[in-house]
C-alpha cells in the first residue's frame, strides 16, 4: 500500500496551507480521494496531492466549473463590541440589497 499522508505532509507536498486544504475538502469533497481513518488519525491517499493541486489551479483561475458544489449562500458577519452602533440596521439593509440584486 502507498504511504499515507497527514495534513502536514499534504501541505508540504502541495505548497498549500492546511486551512486552504480543509476549505477545499469541504467545498470539493467529491473531487478528492476518500480519506482513511487509522487509530486516532486521519490520513490522505498520495493521489490527494495531485487532486488538490488541480482544484487549486481551477479555483484560482475563475473557472465556472470549479464553483463550489453545494448551493448554499455565503455568510457575511456584522459585528461590533459596542451596542447601538447599527449592526442590525446594516445587516437588514445588506439582506434587502442582496435580494434586490438577485442573490
PDB file of N, CA and C in Angstrom:
ATOM      1  N   UNK A   1       0.847  -1.195   0.000  1.00  0.00           N
ATOM      2  CA  UNK A   1       0.000   0.000   0.000  1.00  0.00           C
ATOM      3  C   UNK A   1       0.881   1.244   0.000  1.00  0.00           C
ATOM      4  N   UNK A   2       0.462   2.277  -0.713  1.00  0.00           N
ATOM      5  CA  UNK A   2       1.211   3.529  -0.753  1.00  0.00           C
ATOM      6  C   UNK A   2       1.240   4.166   0.625  1.00  0.00           C
ATOM      7  N   UNK A   3       2.223   5.014   0.822  1.00  0.00           N
ATOM      8  CA  UNK A   3       2.350   5.706   2.096  1.00  0.00           C
ATOM      9  C   UNK A   3       1.214   6.711   2.246  1.00  0.00           C
ATOM     10  N   UNK A   4       0.592   6.722   3.400  1.00  0.00           N
ATOM     11  CA  UNK A   4      -0.485   7.666   3.666  1.00  0.00           C
ATOM     12  C   UNK A   4       0.103   8.979   4.163  1.00  0.00           C
ATOM     13  N   UNK A   5      -0.605  10.067   3.910  1.00  0.00           N
ATOM     14  CA  UNK A   5      -0.114  11.395   4.254  1.00  0.00           C
ATOM     15  C   UNK A   5      -0.969  12.035   5.337  1.00  0.00           C
ATOM     16  N   UNK A   6      -0.316  12.724   6.257  1.00  0.00           N
ATOM     17  CA  UNK A   6      -1.040  13.563   7.209  1.00  0.00           C
ATOM     18  C   UNK A   6      -1.334  14.883   6.508  1.00  0.00           C
ATOM     19  N   UNK A   7      -2.113  15.729   7.139  1.00  0.00           N
ATOM     20  CA  UNK A   7      -2.390  17.023   6.511  1.00  0.00           C
ATOM     21  C   UNK A   7      -1.121  17.865   6.423  1.00  0.00           C
ATOM     22  N   UNK A   8      -0.216  17.694   7.386  1.00  0.00           N
ATOM     23  CA  UNK A   8       1.064  18.409   7.338  1.00  0.00           C
ATOM     24  C   UNK A   8       1.886  17.949   6.140  1.00  0.00           C
ATOM     25  N   UNK A   9       1.912  16.631   5.907  1.00  0.00           N
ATOM     26  CA  UNK A   9       2.614  16.089   4.738  1.00  0.00           C
ATOM     27  C   UNK A   9       1.989  16.617   3.448  1.00  0.00           C
ATOM     28  N   UNK A  10       0.670  16.629   3.417  1.00  0.00           N
ATOM     29  CA  UNK A  10      -0.052  17.082   2.228  1.00  0.00           C
ATOM     30  C   UNK A  10       0.212  18.565   1.963  1.00  0.00           C
ATOM     31  N   UNK A  11       0.271  19.341   3.024  1.00  0.00           N
ATOM     32  CA  UNK A  11       0.577  20.760   2.898  1.00  0.00           C
ATOM     33  C   UNK A  11       1.975  20.962   2.315  1.00  0.00           C
ATOM     34  N   UNK A  12       2.932  20.188   2.796  1.00  0.00           N
ATOM     35  CA  UNK A  12       4.305  20.280   2.281  1.00  0.00           C
ATOM     36  C   UNK A  12       4.375  19.828   0.820  1.00  0.00           C
ATOM     37  N   UNK A  13       3.622  18.793   0.475  1.00  0.00           N
ATOM     38  CA  UNK A  13       3.657  18.247  -0.889  1.00  0.00           C
ATOM     39  C   UNK A  13       3.002  19.175  -1.909  1.00  0.00           C
ATOM     40  N   UNK A  14       1.999  19.935  -1.475  1.00  0.00           N
ATOM     41  CA  UNK A  14       1.254  20.791  -2.405  1.00  0.00           C
ATOM     42  C   UNK A  14       1.651  22.258  -2.337  1.00  0.00           C
ATOM     43  N   UNK A  15       2.258  22.657  -1.217  1.00  0.00           N
ATOM     44  CA  UNK A  15       2.564  24.069  -1.019  1.00  0.00           C
ATOM     45  C   UNK A  15       1.353  24.871  -0.582  1.00  0.00           C
ATOM     46  N   UNK A  16       0.264  24.189  -0.222  1.00  0.00           N
ATOM     47  CA  UNK A  16      -0.966  24.855   0.215  1.00  0.00           C
ATOM     48  C   UNK A  16      -1.029  24.873   1.734  1.00  0.00           C
ATOM     49  N   UNK A  17      -1.592  25.928   2.294  1.00  0.00           N
ATOM     50  CA  UNK A  17      -1.766  25.992   3.740  1.00  0.00           C
ATOM     51  C   UNK A  17      -2.812  24.974   4.174  1.00  0.00           C
ATOM     52  N   UNK A  18      -2.668  24.492   5.405  1.00  0.00           N
ATOM     53  CA  UNK A  18      -3.609  23.493   5.917  1.00  0.00           C
ATOM     54  C   UNK A  18      -5.039  24.009   5.903  1.00  0.00           C
ATOM     55  N   UNK A  19      -5.234  25.289   6.223  1.00  0.00           N
ATOM     56  CA  UNK A  19      -6.594  25.844   6.229  1.00  0.00           C
ATOM     57  C   UNK A  19      -7.203  25.827   4.831  1.00  0.00           C
ATOM     58  N   UNK A  20      -6.391  26.061   3.802  1.00  0.00           N
ATOM     59  CA  UNK A  20      -6.886  26.032   2.430  1.00  0.00           C
ATOM     60  C   UNK A  20      -7.225  24.597   2.019  1.00  0.00           C
ATOM     61  N   UNK A  21      -6.416  23.650   2.456  1.00  0.00           N
ATOM     62  CA  UNK A  21      -6.715  22.238   2.182  1.00  0.00           C
ATOM     63  C   UNK A  21      -8.051  21.866   2.809  1.00  0.00           C
ATOM     64  N   UNK A  22      -8.281  22.289   4.053  1.00  0.00           N
ATOM     65  CA  UNK A  22      -9.555  21.995   4.729  1.00  0.00           C
ATOM     66  C   UNK A  22     -10.722  22.651   3.984  1.00  0.00           C
ATOM     67  N   UNK A  23     -10.525  23.868   3.489  1.00  0.00           N
ATOM     68  CA  UNK A  23     -11.573  24.539   2.715  1.00  0.00           C
ATOM     69  C   UNK A  23     -11.896  23.731   1.463  1.00  0.00           C
ATOM     70  N   UNK A  24     -10.864  23.330   0.720  1.00  0.00           N
ATOM     71  CA  UNK A  24     -11.080  22.540  -0.490  1.00  0.00           C
ATOM     72  C   UNK A  24     -11.748  21.207  -0.162  1.00  0.00           C
ATOM     73  N   UNK A  25     -11.397  20.626   0.984  1.00  0.00           N
ATOM     74  CA  UNK A  25     -12.048  19.373   1.409  1.00  0.00           C
ATOM     75  C   UNK A  25     -13.549  19.569   1.567  1.00  0.00           C
ATOM     76  N   UNK A  26     -13.943  20.677   2.178  1.00  0.00           N
ATOM     77  CA  UNK A  26     -15.370  20.897   2.427  1.00  0.00           C
ATOM     78  C   UNK A  26     -16.123  21.288   1.161  1.00  0.00           C
ATOM     79  N   UNK A  27     -15.484  22.019   0.259  1.00  0.00           N
ATOM     80  CA  UNK A  27     -16.164  22.500  -0.939  1.00  0.00           C
ATOM     81  C   UNK A  27     -16.113  21.539  -2.121  1.00  0.00           C
ATOM     82  N   UNK A  28     -15.069  20.744  -2.219  1.00  0.00           N
ATOM     83  CA  UNK A  28     -14.863  19.888  -3.391  1.00  0.00           C
ATOM     84  C   UNK A  28     -14.618  18.434  -2.985  1.00  0.00           C
ATOM     85  N   UNK A  29     -15.329  17.962  -1.996  1.00  0.00           N
ATOM     86  CA  UNK A  29     -15.078  16.621  -1.459  1.00  0.00           C
ATOM     87  C   UNK A  29     -15.230  15.517  -2.501  1.00  0.00           C
ATOM     88  N   UNK A  30     -16.127  15.693  -3.460  1.00  0.00           N
ATOM     89  CA  UNK A  30     -16.330  14.636  -4.458  1.00  0.00           C
ATOM     90  C   UNK A  30     -15.161  14.541  -5.439  1.00  0.00           C
ATOM     91  N   UNK A  31     -14.311  15.546  -5.477  1.00  0.00           N
ATOM     92  CA  UNK A  31     -13.156  15.535  -6.388  1.00  0.00           C
ATOM     93  C   UNK A  31     -11.885  15.038  -5.710  1.00  0.00           C
ATOM     94  N   UNK A  32     -11.990  14.700  -4.431  1.00  0.00           N
ATOM     95  CA  UNK A  32     -10.827  14.222  -3.679  1.00  0.00           C
ATOM     96  C   UNK A  32     -10.985  12.750  -3.331  1.00  0.00           C
ATOM     97  N   UNK A  33      -9.866  12.018  -3.271  1.00  0.00           N
ATOM     98  CA  UNK A  33      -9.954  10.615  -2.849  1.00  0.00           C
ATOM     99  C   UNK A  33     -10.412  10.527  -1.392  1.00  0.00           C
ATOM    100  N   UNK A  34     -11.054   9.437  -1.076  1.00  0.00           N
ATOM    101  CA  UNK A  34     -11.555   9.238   0.278  1.00  0.00           C
ATOM    102  C   UNK A  34     -10.406   9.205   1.279  1.00  0.00           C
ATOM    103  N   UNK A  35     -10.626   9.827   2.440  1.00  0.00           N
ATOM    104  CA  UNK A  35      -9.615   9.822   3.499  1.00  0.00           C
ATOM    105  C   UNK A  35      -9.674   8.499   4.254  1.00  0.00           C
ATOM    106  N   UNK A  36      -8.616   8.215   4.980  1.00  0.00           N
ATOM    107  CA  UNK A  36      -8.513   6.961   5.720  1.00  0.00           C
ATOM    108  C   UNK A  36      -8.340   7.277   7.202  1.00  0.00           C
ATOM    109  N   UNK A  37      -9.145   6.621   8.034  1.00  0.00           N
ATOM    110  CA  UNK A  37      -9.026   6.769   9.478  1.00  0.00           C
ATOM    111  C   UNK A  37      -8.262   5.565  10.000  1.00  0.00           C
ATOM    112  N   UNK A  38      -7.184   5.830  10.719  1.00  0.00           N
ATOM    113  CA  UNK A  38      -6.381   4.771  11.344  1.00  0.00           C
ATOM    114  C   UNK A  38      -6.115   5.179  12.772  1.00  0.00           C
ATOM    115  N   UNK A  39      -6.573   4.359  13.692  1.00  0.00           N
ATOM    116  CA  UNK A  39      -6.396   4.718  15.094  1.00  0.00           C
ATOM    117  C   UNK A  39      -7.113   6.023  15.362  1.00  0.00           C
ATOM    118  N   UNK A  40      -6.373   6.990  15.859  1.00  0.00           N
ATOM    119  CA  UNK A  40      -6.985   8.296  16.114  1.00  0.00           C
ATOM    120  C   UNK A  40      -6.533   9.334  15.084  1.00  0.00           C
ATOM    121  N   UNK A  41      -5.988   8.870  13.958  1.00  0.00           N
ATOM    122  CA  UNK A  41      -5.505   9.787  12.927  1.00  0.00           C
ATOM    123  C   UNK A  41      -6.310   9.726  11.647  1.00  0.00           C
ATOM    124  N   UNK A  42      -6.310  10.826  10.932  1.00  0.00           N
ATOM    125  CA  UNK A  42      -6.976  10.932   9.640  1.00  0.00           C
ATOM    126  C   UNK A  42      -5.890  11.117   8.591  1.00  0.00           C
ATOM    127  N   UNK A  43      -5.891  10.265   7.585  1.00  0.00           N
ATOM    128  CA  UNK A  43      -4.822  10.275   6.595  1.00  0.00           C
ATOM    129  C   UNK A  43      -5.382  10.439   5.185  1.00  0.00           C
ATOM    130  N   UNK A  44      -4.526  10.931   4.309  1.00  0.00           N
ATOM    131  CA  UNK A  44      -4.878  11.152   2.914  1.00  0.00           C
ATOM    132  C   UNK A  44      -4.095  10.193   2.038  1.00  0.00           C
ATOM    133  N   UNK A  45      -4.704   9.782   0.957  1.00  0.00           N
ATOM    134  CA  UNK A  45      -4.001   8.962  -0.029  1.00  0.00           C
ATOM    135  C   UNK A  45      -3.036   9.872  -0.798  1.00  0.00           C
ATOM    136  N   UNK A  46      -1.942   9.327  -1.307  1.00  0.00           N
ATOM    137  CA  UNK A  46      -0.972  10.149  -2.045  1.00  0.00           C
ATOM    138  C   UNK A  46      -1.578  10.891  -3.243  1.00  0.00           C
ATOM    139  N   UNK A  47      -2.579  10.299  -3.894  1.00  0.00           N
ATOM    140  CA  UNK A  47      -3.183  10.960  -5.061  1.00  0.00           C
ATOM    141  C   UNK A  47      -3.974  12.216  -4.689  1.00  0.00           C
ATOM    142  N   UNK A  48      -4.208  12.437  -3.390  1.00  0.00           N
ATOM    143  CA  UNK A  48      -4.902  13.650  -2.953  1.00  0.00           C
ATOM    144  C   UNK A  48      -4.082  14.898  -3.276  1.00  0.00           C
ATOM    145  N   UNK A  49      -2.752  14.773  -3.288  1.00  0.00           N
ATOM    146  CA  UNK A  49      -1.896  15.931  -3.584  1.00  0.00           C
ATOM    147  C   UNK A  49      -2.162  16.452  -4.995  1.00  0.00           C
ATOM    148  N   UNK A  50      -2.205  15.554  -5.969  1.00  0.00           N
ATOM    149  CA  UNK A  50      -2.464  15.970  -7.355  1.00  0.00           C
ATOM    150  C   UNK A  50      -3.872  16.544  -7.493  1.00  0.00           C
ATOM    151  N   UNK A  51      -4.839  15.928  -6.826  1.00  0.00           N
ATOM    152  CA  UNK A  51      -6.221  16.414  -6.893  1.00  0.00           C
ATOM    153  C   UNK A  51      -6.326  17.819  -6.301  1.00  0.00           C
ATOM    154  N   UNK A  52      -5.641  18.052  -5.184  1.00  0.00           N
ATOM    155  CA  UNK A  52      -5.674  19.380  -4.564  1.00  0.00           C
ATOM    156  C   UNK A  52      -4.988  20.426  -5.436  1.00  0.00           C
ATOM    157  N   UNK A  53      -3.890  20.053  -6.073  1.00  0.00           N
ATOM    158  CA  UNK A  53      -3.222  20.993  -6.981  1.00  0.00           C
ATOM    159  C   UNK A  53      -4.158  21.375  -8.134  1.00  0.00           C
ATOM    160  N   UNK A  54      -4.885  20.395  -8.652  1.00  0.00           N
ATOM    161  CA  UNK A  54      -5.828  20.650  -9.741  1.00  0.00           C
ATOM    162  C   UNK A  54      -6.960  21.570  -9.279  1.00  0.00           C
ATOM    163  N   UNK A  55      -7.520  21.278  -8.116  1.00  0.00           N
ATOM    164  CA  UNK A  55      -8.588  22.118  -7.567  1.00  0.00           C
ATOM    165  C   UNK A  55      -8.075  23.540  -7.372  1.00  0.00           C
ATOM    166  N   UNK A  56      -6.876  23.668  -6.825  1.00  0.00           N
ATOM    167  CA  UNK A  56      -6.311  24.995  -6.569  1.00  0.00           C
ATOM    168  C   UNK A  56      -6.095  25.758  -7.879  1.00  0.00           C
ATOM    169  N   UNK A  57      -5.621  25.080  -8.898  1.00  0.00           N
ATOM    170  CA  UNK A  57      -5.409  25.728 -10.198  1.00  0.00           C
ATOM    171  C   UNK A  57      -6.732  26.216 -10.783  1.00  0.00           C
ATOM    172  N   UNK A  58      -7.774  25.415 -10.671  1.00  0.00           N
ATOM    173  CA  UNK A  58      -9.087  25.808 -11.208  1.00  0.00           C
ATOM    174  C   UNK A  58      -9.726  26.899 -10.367  1.00  0.00           C
ATOM    175  N   UNK A  59      -9.640  26.766  -9.049  1.00  0.00           N
ATOM    176  CA  UNK A  59     -10.265  27.728  -8.147  1.00  0.00           C
ATOM    177  C   UNK A  59      -9.665  29.116  -8.352  1.00  0.00           C
ATOM    178  N   UNK A  60      -8.363  29.184  -8.519  1.00  0.00           N
ATOM    179  CA  UNK A  60      -7.693  30.467  -8.705  1.00  0.00           C
ATOM    180  C   UNK A  60      -7.891  31.060 -10.088  1.00  0.00           C
ATOM    181  N   UNK A  61      -8.296  30.244 -11.063  1.00  0.00           N
ATOM    182  CA  UNK A  61      -8.430  30.718 -12.442  1.00  0.00           C
ATOM    183  C   UNK A  61      -9.783  31.353 -12.732  1.00  0.00           C
ATOM    184  N   UNK A  62     -10.738  31.194 -11.820  1.00  0.00           N
ATOM    185  CA  UNK A  62     -12.077  31.719 -12.051  1.00  0.00           C
ATOM    186  C   UNK A  62     -12.913  30.834 -12.949  1.00  0.00           C
ATOM    187  N   UNK A  63     -12.485  29.601 -13.159  1.00  0.00           N
ATOM    188  CA  UNK A  63     -13.211  28.631 -13.981  1.00  0.00           C
ATOM    189  C   UNK A  63     -14.584  28.379 -13.359  1.00  0.00           C
ATOM    190  N   UNK A  64     -15.642  28.631 -14.106  1.00  0.00           N
ATOM    191  CA  UNK A  64     -17.002  28.477 -13.591  1.00  0.00           C
ATOM    192  C   UNK A  64     -17.277  27.046 -13.151  1.00  0.00           C
ATOM    193  N   UNK A  65     -16.703  26.071 -13.842  1.00  0.00           N
ATOM    194  CA  UNK A  65     -16.952  24.674 -13.476  1.00  0.00           C
ATOM    195  C   UNK A  65     -16.322  24.313 -12.146  1.00  0.00           C
ATOM    196  N   UNK A  66     -15.489  25.199 -11.607  1.00  0.00           N
ATOM    197  CA  UNK A  66     -14.854  24.901 -10.336  1.00  0.00           C
ATOM    198  C   UNK A  66     -15.601  25.523  -9.165  1.00  0.00           C
ATOM    199  N   UNK A  67     -16.768  26.098  -9.424  1.00  0.00           N
ATOM    200  CA  UNK A  67     -17.544  26.702  -8.353  1.00  0.00           C
ATOM    201  C   UNK A  67     -17.904  25.639  -7.319  1.00  0.00           C
ATOM    202  N   UNK A  68     -18.041  26.037  -6.062  1.00  0.00           N
ATOM    203  CA  UNK A  68     -18.406  25.064  -5.035  1.00  0.00           C
ATOM    204  C   UNK A  68     -19.634  24.260  -5.440  1.00  0.00           C
ATOM    205  N   UNK A  69     -19.638  22.988  -5.048  1.00  0.00           N
ATOM    206  CA  UNK A  69     -20.683  22.069  -5.484  1.00  0.00           C
ATOM    207  C   UNK A  69     -22.007  22.280  -4.764  1.00  0.00           C
ATOM    208  N   UNK A  70     -21.960  22.766  -3.561  1.00  0.00           N
ATOM    209  CA  UNK A  70     -23.192  22.964  -2.810  1.00  0.00           C
ATOM    210  C   UNK A  70     -23.807  24.306  -3.159  1.00  0.00           C
ATOM    211  N   UNK A  71     -25.115  24.402  -3.032  1.00  0.00           N
ATOM    212  CA  UNK A  71     -25.799  25.624  -3.404  1.00  0.00           C
ATOM    213  C   UNK A  71     -26.212  26.472  -2.223  1.00  0.00           C
ATOM    214  N   UNK A  72     -25.396  26.602  -1.224  1.00  0.00           N
ATOM    215  CA  UNK A  72     -25.768  27.445  -0.104  1.00  0.00           C
ATOM    216  C   UNK A  72     -25.112  28.811  -0.248  1.00  0.00           C
ATOM    217  N   UNK A  73     -25.652  29.786   0.435  1.00  0.00           N
ATOM    218  CA  UNK A  73     -25.150  31.145   0.318  1.00  0.00           C
ATOM    219  C   UNK A  73     -23.922  31.395   1.164  1.00  0.00           C
ATOM    220  N   UNK A  74     -23.335  32.511   0.929  1.00  0.00           N
ATOM    221  CA  UNK A  74     -22.183  32.951   1.712  1.00  0.00           C
ATOM    222  C   UNK A  74     -22.674  33.587   3.006  1.00  0.00           C
ATOM    223  N   UNK A  75     -21.817  33.627   3.987  1.00  0.00           N
ATOM    224  CA  UNK A  75     -22.142  34.236   5.268  1.00  0.00           C
ATOM    225  C   UNK A  75     -21.389  35.548   5.374  1.00  0.00           C
ATOM    226  N   UNK A  76     -22.107  36.590   5.712  1.00  0.00           N
ATOM    227  CA  UNK A  76     -21.485  37.885   5.975  1.00  0.00           C
ATOM    228  C   UNK A  76     -21.764  38.201   7.437  1.00  0.00           C
ATOM    229  N   UNK A  77     -20.717  38.358   8.211  1.00  0.00           N
ATOM    230  CA  UNK A  77     -20.871  38.648   9.637  1.00  0.00           C
ATOM    231  C   UNK A  77     -20.744  40.147   9.864  1.00  0.00           C
ATOM    232  N   UNK A  78     -21.652  40.678  10.647  1.00  0.00           N
ATOM    233  CA  UNK A  78     -21.616  42.084  11.033  1.00  0.00           C
ATOM    234  C   UNK A  78     -21.479  42.098  12.541  1.00  0.00           C
ATOM    235  N   UNK A  79     -20.377  42.656  13.034  1.00  0.00           N
ATOM    236  CA  UNK A  79     -20.170  42.613  14.482  1.00  0.00           C
ATOM    237  C   UNK A  79     -19.524  43.891  14.992  1.00  0.00           C
ATOM    238  N   UNK A  80     -19.687  44.106  16.267  1.00  0.00           N
ATOM    239  CA  UNK A  80     -19.053  45.225  16.954  1.00  0.00           C
ATOM    240  C   UNK A  80     -19.089  44.916  18.439  1.00  0.00           C
ATOM    241  N   UNK A  81     -18.100  45.381  19.144  1.00  0.00           N
ATOM    242  CA  UNK A  81     -18.063  45.184  20.588  1.00  0.00           C
ATOM    243  C   UNK A  81     -19.004  46.111  21.330  1.00  0.00           C
ATOM    244  N   UNK A  82     -19.531  47.098  20.643  1.00  0.00           N
ATOM    245  CA  UNK A  82     -20.412  48.069  21.285  1.00  0.00           C
ATOM    246  C   UNK A  82     -21.857  47.833  20.864  1.00  0.00           C
ATOM    247  N   UNK A  83     -22.744  48.251  21.683  1.00  0.00           N
ATOM    248  CA  UNK A  83     -24.160  48.191  21.342  1.00  0.00           C
ATOM    249  C   UNK A  83     -24.601  49.511  20.731  1.00  0.00           C
ATOM    250  N   UNK A  84     -25.690  49.463  19.971  1.00  0.00           N
ATOM    251  CA  UNK A  84     -26.266  50.688  19.435  1.00  0.00           C
ATOM    252  C   UNK A  84     -25.479  51.340  18.312  1.00  0.00           C
ATOM    253  N   UNK A  85     -24.696  50.552  17.590  1.00  0.00           N
ATOM    254  CA  UNK A  85     -23.895  51.131  16.504  1.00  0.00           C
ATOM    255  C   UNK A  85     -24.467  50.823  15.127  1.00  0.00           C
ATOM    256  N   UNK A  86     -25.626  50.159  15.060  1.00  0.00           N
ATOM    257  CA  UNK A  86     -26.294  49.931  13.784  1.00  0.00           C
ATOM    258  C   UNK A  86     -26.044  48.588  13.129  1.00  0.00           C
ATOM    259  N   UNK A  87     -25.649  47.591  13.917  1.00  0.00           N
ATOM    260  CA  UNK A  87     -25.384  46.263  13.338  1.00  0.00           C
ATOM    261  C   UNK A  87     -26.630  45.671  12.698  1.00  0.00           C
ATOM    262  N   UNK A  88     -27.728  45.695  13.396  1.00  0.00           N
ATOM    263  CA  UNK A  88     -28.966  45.110  12.866  1.00  0.00           C
ATOM    264  C   UNK A  88     -29.448  45.875  11.643  1.00  0.00           C
ATOM    265  N   UNK A  89     -29.366  47.182  11.692  1.00  0.00           N
ATOM    266  CA  UNK A  89     -29.772  48.011  10.560  1.00  0.00           C
ATOM    267  C   UNK A  89     -28.913  47.699   9.334  1.00  0.00           C
ATOM    268  N   UNK A  90     -27.615  47.607   9.515  1.00  0.00           N
ATOM    269  CA  UNK A  90     -26.713  47.296   8.409  1.00  0.00           C
ATOM    270  C   UNK A  90     -26.994  45.901   7.856  1.00  0.00           C
ATOM    271  N   UNK A  91     -27.173  44.922   8.744  1.00  0.00           N
ATOM    272  CA  UNK A  91     -27.449  43.551   8.299  1.00  0.00           C
ATOM    273  C   UNK A  91     -28.749  43.491   7.499  1.00  0.00           C
ATOM    274  N   UNK A  92     -29.782  44.177   7.963  1.00  0.00           N
ATOM    275  CA  UNK A  92     -31.060  44.198   7.260  1.00  0.00           C
ATOM    276  C   UNK A  92     -30.923  44.867   5.892  1.00  0.00           C
ATOM    277  N   UNK A  93     -30.252  46.006   5.835  1.00  0.00           N
ATOM    278  CA  UNK A  93     -30.070  46.700   4.555  1.00  0.00           C
ATOM    279  C   UNK A  93     -29.250  45.871   3.571  1.00  0.00           C
ATOM    280  N   UNK A  94     -28.227  45.179   4.050  1.00  0.00           N
ATOM    281  CA  UNK A  94     -27.459  44.286   3.181  1.00  0.00           C
ATOM    282  C   UNK A  94     -28.345  43.179   2.621  1.00  0.00           C
ATOM    283  N   UNK A  95     -29.153  42.575   3.488  1.00  0.00           N
ATOM    284  CA  UNK A  95     -30.041  41.490   3.048  1.00  0.00           C
ATOM    285  C   UNK A  95     -31.017  41.982   1.983  1.00  0.00           C
ATOM    286  N   UNK A  96     -31.577  43.152   2.188  1.00  0.00           N
ATOM    287  CA  UNK A  96     -32.532  43.713   1.221  1.00  0.00           C
ATOM    288  C   UNK A  96     -31.847  43.976  -0.119  1.00  0.00           C
ATOM    289  N   UNK A  97     -30.670  44.569  -0.092  1.00  0.00           N
ATOM    290  CA  UNK A  97     -29.967  44.884  -1.339  1.00  0.00           C
ATOM    291  C   UNK A  97     -29.500  43.630  -2.064  1.00  0.00           C
ATOM    292  N   UNK A  98     -29.050  42.616  -1.327  1.00  0.00           N
ATOM    293  CA  UNK A  98     -28.670  41.358  -1.971  1.00  0.00           C
ATOM    294  C   UNK A  98     -29.882  40.699  -2.619  1.00  0.00           C
ATOM    295  N   UNK A  99     -31.031  40.761  -1.948  1.00  0.00           N
ATOM    296  CA  UNK A  99     -32.248  40.185  -2.513  1.00  0.00           C
ATOM    297  C   UNK A  99     -32.651  40.946  -3.771  1.00  0.00           C
ATOM    298  N   UNK A 100     -32.573  42.249  -3.745  1.00  0.00           N
ATOM    299  CA  UNK A 100     -32.908  43.063  -4.919  1.00  0.00           C
ATOM    300  C   UNK A 100     -31.975  42.766  -6.093  1.00  0.00           C
ATOM    301  N   UNK A 101     -30.720  42.475  -5.772  1.00  0.00           N
ATOM    302  CA  UNK A 101     -29.730  42.179  -6.818  1.00  0.00           C
ATOM    303  C   UNK A 101     -29.847  40.742  -7.327  1.00  0.00           C
ATOM    304  N   UNK A 102     -30.747  39.970  -6.727  1.00  0.00           N
ATOM    305  CA  UNK A 102     -30.965  38.602  -7.188  1.00  0.00           C
ATOM    306  C   UNK A 102     -30.051  37.563  -6.574  1.00  0.00           C
ATOM    307  N   UNK A 103     -29.462  37.875  -5.452  1.00  0.00           N
ATOM    308  CA  UNK A 103     -28.563  36.916  -4.792  1.00  0.00           C
ATOM    309  C   UNK A 103     -29.275  36.177  -3.690  1.00  0.00           C
TER     310      UNK A 103
END
